Protein backbone atom coordinates (compact mmCIF):
# COMPACT_ATOMS: atom_id res chain seq x y z
CA MET A 1 -2.37 53.32 20.06
CA ALA A 2 0.61 50.99 20.00
CA ALA A 3 0.28 47.11 19.88
CA SER A 4 1.98 45.64 22.78
CA GLY A 5 5.07 43.32 22.43
CA SER A 6 4.53 40.97 24.94
CA CYS A 7 0.45 40.42 24.32
CA GLN A 8 -0.26 37.21 22.84
CA HIS A 9 -4.14 38.74 20.58
CA ASP A 10 -6.91 37.04 20.70
CA PHE A 11 -9.10 39.04 18.52
CA LYS A 12 -12.62 39.49 19.03
CA LEU A 13 -14.93 40.60 16.20
CA LEU A 14 -17.18 43.60 16.77
CA LYS A 15 -19.65 44.73 14.58
CA SER A 16 -21.65 48.52 15.10
CA ASP A 17 -25.71 48.19 14.43
CA THR A 18 -26.11 52.18 14.23
CA THR A 19 -23.65 54.68 12.11
CA LEU A 20 -22.94 56.09 15.20
CA ILE A 21 -20.78 53.76 15.90
CA LEU A 22 -17.54 53.43 13.76
CA TRP A 23 -14.12 52.14 14.15
CA ASN A 24 -10.74 53.63 12.60
CA CYS A 25 -7.77 50.78 12.41
CA HIS A 26 -5.16 51.60 15.77
CA MET A 27 -2.39 50.40 13.31
CA CYS A 28 -3.05 52.19 9.33
CA HIS A 29 -5.30 54.42 10.75
CA SER A 30 -7.95 53.15 8.03
CA GLY A 31 -11.34 53.46 8.59
CA PRO A 32 -14.28 54.58 9.31
CA HIS A 33 -15.30 50.68 9.41
CA TRP A 34 -18.59 48.89 10.28
CA TYR A 35 -16.57 46.02 12.25
CA ILE A 36 -13.29 45.85 14.11
CA TYR A 37 -11.07 43.27 15.67
CA GLU A 38 -10.48 43.79 19.33
CA CYS A 39 -8.07 41.83 21.22
CA SER A 40 -9.97 40.98 24.55
CA LYS A 41 -6.31 41.29 26.82
CA CYS A 42 -4.61 44.74 24.79
CA LYS A 43 -7.86 45.86 23.91
CA LEU A 44 -5.91 46.47 20.38
CA LYS A 45 -8.65 47.62 17.44
CA THR A 46 -7.38 46.51 13.95
CA CYS A 47 -8.76 46.00 10.96
CA GLN A 48 -9.49 42.66 8.90
CA PRO A 49 -5.77 43.01 7.39
CA CYS A 50 -4.36 44.08 9.97
CA THR A 51 -4.93 41.09 12.14
CA TYR A 52 -3.22 39.21 10.53
CA LYS A 53 0.06 41.34 11.28
CA ALA A 54 -0.84 41.73 14.73
């Protein structure tokens, strides 16, 4: 998923309490992660290092 060029990202932390739900970063494709940052506006999911790049 590509990041929207016009979105002013507002990231919120999502945590998984189970091994059934894990995420991959939409920017660098790293993962699986136990927690991920999701933009509340465009739903972009990124790892912590990519959160600062977005």
